[in-house]
N, C-alpha and C. Protein backbone atom coordinates (compact mmCIF):
# COMPACT_ATOMS: atom_id res chain seq x y z
N MET A 1 78.26 81.36 97.93
CA MET A 1 78.52 82.23 99.07
C MET A 1 78.22 83.66 98.69
N LEU A 2 77.50 84.36 99.54
CA LEU A 2 77.22 85.77 99.33
C LEU A 2 78.12 86.60 100.24
N ASN A 3 78.63 87.68 99.69
CA ASN A 3 79.49 88.58 100.45
C ASN A 3 79.06 90.00 100.10
N ASN A 4 78.50 90.71 101.04
CA ASN A 4 78.02 92.07 100.79
C ASN A 4 79.11 93.10 101.07
N ILE A 5 79.34 93.96 100.09
CA ILE A 5 80.30 95.05 100.25
C ILE A 5 79.67 96.30 99.67
N GLU A 6 79.71 97.37 100.42
CA GLU A 6 79.13 98.63 99.97
C GLU A 6 80.06 99.29 98.95
N GLY A 7 79.46 100.06 98.07
CA GLY A 7 80.24 100.78 97.08
C GLY A 7 79.53 102.04 96.63
N ILE A 8 80.18 102.81 95.78
CA ILE A 8 79.61 104.06 95.26
C ILE A 8 79.75 104.02 93.75
N TYR A 9 78.70 104.41 93.05
CA TYR A 9 78.69 104.44 91.60
C TYR A 9 79.18 105.80 91.12
N ARG A 10 80.25 105.80 90.33
CA ARG A 10 80.82 107.04 89.80
C ARG A 10 81.33 106.78 88.39
N ASN A 11 81.00 107.68 87.48
CA ASN A 11 81.52 107.61 86.11
C ASN A 11 81.38 106.23 85.48
N GLY A 12 80.23 105.61 85.68
CA GLY A 12 79.97 104.32 85.06
C GLY A 12 80.64 103.13 85.71
N ARG A 13 81.26 103.34 86.87
CA ARG A 13 81.93 102.24 87.58
C ARG A 13 81.50 102.21 89.04
N VAL A 14 81.59 101.04 89.63
CA VAL A 14 81.30 100.89 91.05
C VAL A 14 82.62 100.83 91.80
N GLU A 15 82.80 101.76 92.74
CA GLU A 15 84.00 101.79 93.58
C GLU A 15 83.64 101.15 94.92
N LEU A 16 84.29 100.04 95.26
CA LEU A 16 84.02 99.35 96.51
C LEU A 16 84.66 100.09 97.68
N THR A 17 83.98 100.07 98.82
CA THR A 17 84.51 100.73 100.01
C THR A 17 85.56 99.87 100.72
N GLU A 18 85.60 98.58 100.37
CA GLU A 18 86.63 97.69 100.92
C GLU A 18 86.87 96.58 99.90
N GLN A 19 88.01 95.94 100.00
CA GLN A 19 88.36 94.86 99.09
C GLN A 19 87.74 93.55 99.58
N PRO A 20 87.14 92.78 98.68
CA PRO A 20 86.58 91.50 99.11
C PRO A 20 87.68 90.52 99.49
N THR A 21 87.40 89.67 100.45
CA THR A 21 88.37 88.64 100.85
C THR A 21 87.83 87.28 100.41
N ASP A 22 88.71 86.35 100.20
CA ASP A 22 88.32 85.00 99.79
C ASP A 22 87.44 85.00 98.54
N THR A 23 87.75 85.89 97.59
CA THR A 23 86.99 85.98 96.35
C THR A 23 87.96 85.91 95.18
N ASP A 24 87.68 85.01 94.27
CA ASP A 24 88.55 84.84 93.11
C ASP A 24 88.32 85.95 92.09
N GLU A 25 89.38 86.31 91.37
CA GLU A 25 89.28 87.27 90.28
C GLU A 25 88.31 86.72 89.24
N GLY A 26 87.45 87.56 88.73
CA GLY A 26 86.48 87.14 87.72
C GLY A 26 85.18 86.60 88.28
N THR A 27 85.03 86.64 89.61
CA THR A 27 83.79 86.17 90.23
C THR A 27 82.64 87.08 89.80
N ARG A 28 81.53 86.48 89.44
CA ARG A 28 80.35 87.26 89.04
C ARG A 28 79.77 87.98 90.25
N VAL A 29 79.19 89.16 90.01
CA VAL A 29 78.60 89.96 91.07
C VAL A 29 77.21 90.42 90.66
N ILE A 30 76.41 90.79 91.63
CA ILE A 30 75.12 91.43 91.41
C ILE A 30 75.20 92.79 92.09
N VAL A 31 74.86 93.83 91.37
CA VAL A 31 74.90 95.19 91.92
C VAL A 31 73.47 95.68 92.08
N THR A 32 73.12 96.15 93.27
CA THR A 32 71.81 96.71 93.55
C THR A 32 71.97 98.18 93.86
N PHE A 33 71.29 99.04 93.13
CA PHE A 33 71.36 100.48 93.38
C PHE A 33 70.30 100.85 94.40
N MET A 34 70.72 101.53 95.46
CA MET A 34 69.81 101.93 96.53
C MET A 34 69.63 103.44 96.50
N ARG A 35 68.43 103.86 96.75
CA ARG A 35 68.19 105.30 96.88
C ARG A 35 68.51 105.71 98.32
N SER A 36 68.99 106.91 98.46
CA SER A 36 69.31 107.42 99.78
C SER A 36 68.03 107.60 100.59
N ASN A 37 68.10 107.31 101.88
CA ASN A 37 66.95 107.53 102.76
C ASN A 37 66.87 108.97 103.24
N GLU A 38 67.87 109.76 102.89
CA GLU A 38 67.89 111.14 103.34
C GLU A 38 66.99 112.01 102.47
N ILE A 39 66.30 112.92 103.10
CA ILE A 39 65.42 113.85 102.41
C ILE A 39 66.02 115.24 102.54
N ASP A 40 66.06 115.96 101.44
CA ASP A 40 66.55 117.34 101.46
C ASP A 40 65.46 118.22 102.07
N LEU A 41 65.58 118.45 103.37
CA LEU A 41 64.54 119.19 104.09
C LEU A 41 64.34 120.60 103.53
N ALA A 42 65.44 121.27 103.19
CA ALA A 42 65.34 122.64 102.67
C ALA A 42 64.48 122.68 101.40
N SER A 43 64.61 121.65 100.55
CA SER A 43 63.81 121.63 99.33
C SER A 43 62.33 121.44 99.62
N GLN A 44 62.03 120.95 100.83
CA GLN A 44 60.64 120.78 101.24
C GLN A 44 60.13 121.97 102.06
N GLY A 45 61.00 122.93 102.25
CA GLY A 45 60.61 124.15 102.96
C GLY A 45 60.54 124.01 104.47
N ILE A 46 61.26 123.04 105.03
CA ILE A 46 61.27 122.87 106.49
C ILE A 46 62.70 122.66 106.97
N ASN A 47 62.88 122.91 108.26
CA ASN A 47 64.20 122.67 108.85
C ASN A 47 64.15 121.40 109.70
N LYS A 48 65.27 121.03 110.31
CA LYS A 48 65.35 119.78 111.06
C LYS A 48 64.38 119.76 112.25
N ALA A 49 64.27 120.87 112.98
CA ALA A 49 63.36 120.92 114.13
C ALA A 49 61.91 120.74 113.69
N GLN A 50 61.53 121.38 112.58
CA GLN A 50 60.17 121.23 112.07
C GLN A 50 59.91 119.80 111.61
N ALA A 51 60.92 119.18 111.02
CA ALA A 51 60.78 117.79 110.56
C ALA A 51 60.57 116.85 111.75
N GLU A 52 61.27 117.09 112.84
CA GLU A 52 61.10 116.25 114.04
C GLU A 52 59.70 116.40 114.61
N ILE A 53 59.19 117.62 114.63
CA ILE A 53 57.82 117.84 115.11
C ILE A 53 56.81 117.14 114.21
N LEU A 54 56.99 117.29 112.91
CA LEU A 54 56.11 116.64 111.95
C LEU A 54 56.14 115.13 112.11
N ARG A 55 57.34 114.57 112.26
CA ARG A 55 57.47 113.12 112.45
C ARG A 55 56.73 112.66 113.71
N SER A 56 56.85 113.41 114.79
CA SER A 56 56.18 113.00 116.02
C SER A 56 54.66 113.08 115.88
N HIS A 57 54.16 114.06 115.13
CA HIS A 57 52.71 114.17 114.92
C HIS A 57 52.20 113.04 114.03
N LEU A 58 52.96 112.67 113.03
CA LEU A 58 52.53 111.62 112.10
C LEU A 58 52.72 110.22 112.66
N ALA A 59 53.54 110.07 113.69
CA ALA A 59 53.80 108.75 114.28
C ALA A 59 52.52 108.11 114.78
N THR A 60 51.55 108.91 115.20
CA THR A 60 50.30 108.36 115.72
C THR A 60 49.52 107.62 114.64
N PHE A 61 49.80 107.91 113.36
CA PHE A 61 49.11 107.26 112.27
C PHE A 61 49.81 105.98 111.79
N ALA A 62 51.03 105.76 112.21
CA ALA A 62 51.86 104.68 111.66
C ALA A 62 51.21 103.31 111.78
N ASP A 63 50.69 102.95 112.94
CA ASP A 63 50.09 101.63 113.11
C ASP A 63 48.92 101.42 112.16
N ASP A 64 48.07 102.44 112.03
CA ASP A 64 46.93 102.32 111.12
C ASP A 64 47.39 102.25 109.68
N TRP A 65 48.30 103.11 109.30
CA TRP A 65 48.75 103.18 107.91
C TRP A 65 49.43 101.90 107.45
N GLU A 66 50.17 101.26 108.34
CA GLU A 66 50.91 100.06 107.98
C GLU A 66 50.13 98.78 108.20
N SER A 67 48.87 98.88 108.60
CA SER A 67 48.06 97.69 108.82
C SER A 67 47.71 97.01 107.50
N GLN A 68 47.43 95.72 107.56
CA GLN A 68 47.11 94.94 106.36
C GLN A 68 45.90 95.51 105.63
N GLU A 69 44.94 96.03 106.35
CA GLU A 69 43.72 96.56 105.73
C GLU A 69 44.00 97.74 104.80
N MET A 70 45.07 98.46 105.04
CA MET A 70 45.38 99.63 104.21
C MET A 70 45.95 99.24 102.85
N SER A 71 46.31 97.98 102.65
CA SER A 71 46.86 97.57 101.36
C SER A 71 45.86 97.75 100.23
N ILE A 72 44.59 97.88 100.56
CA ILE A 72 43.58 98.11 99.53
C ILE A 72 43.85 99.41 98.77
N TYR A 73 44.56 100.33 99.39
CA TYR A 73 44.85 101.61 98.75
C TYR A 73 46.15 101.61 97.94
N ASP A 74 46.88 100.50 97.93
CA ASP A 74 48.16 100.45 97.22
C ASP A 74 48.02 100.77 95.74
N ASP A 75 46.94 100.32 95.11
CA ASP A 75 46.72 100.56 93.68
C ASP A 75 45.58 101.53 93.44
N TYR A 76 45.30 102.39 94.38
CA TYR A 76 44.15 103.29 94.30
C TYR A 76 44.09 104.08 93.00
N PHE A 77 45.18 104.76 92.65
CA PHE A 77 45.14 105.63 91.47
C PHE A 77 45.02 104.83 90.18
N THR A 78 45.65 103.67 90.12
CA THR A 78 45.52 102.82 88.94
C THR A 78 44.08 102.39 88.77
N LEU A 79 43.46 101.93 89.84
CA LEU A 79 42.08 101.47 89.78
C LEU A 79 41.11 102.63 89.55
N LYS A 80 41.40 103.76 90.14
CA LYS A 80 40.55 104.94 89.97
C LYS A 80 40.50 105.36 88.50
N ASN A 81 41.63 105.22 87.80
CA ASN A 81 41.71 105.61 86.40
C ASN A 81 41.20 104.53 85.46
N GLY A 82 40.64 103.45 86.01
CA GLY A 82 40.02 102.43 85.19
C GLY A 82 40.94 101.37 84.65
N ASP A 83 42.17 101.30 85.12
CA ASP A 83 43.08 100.28 84.64
C ASP A 83 42.99 99.07 85.59
N PHE A 84 42.09 98.15 85.25
CA PHE A 84 41.86 97.00 86.11
C PHE A 84 42.66 95.78 85.69
N HIS A 85 43.51 95.92 84.67
CA HIS A 85 44.31 94.80 84.17
C HIS A 85 45.61 94.72 84.97
N ARG A 86 45.90 93.57 85.52
CA ARG A 86 47.12 93.38 86.31
C ARG A 86 47.95 92.30 85.74
């Protein structure tokens, strides 16, 4: 049985946001660290309004960029530098 519970990593420990139910003490767990989806706009030199404008302008490229044909560029820099071993 899988039971997903969010937590926060602090001082070498994971603090759960809620207590698991129907779980025995000593049950093994898998912890996956996720990166935040938030971008520090100020560090990029833009504000929220500018980011919204930029997002709307770039949205027109989304369908093309996410198409299967674009996967050829996934390893572009590796292949460009001559590392053809996979």
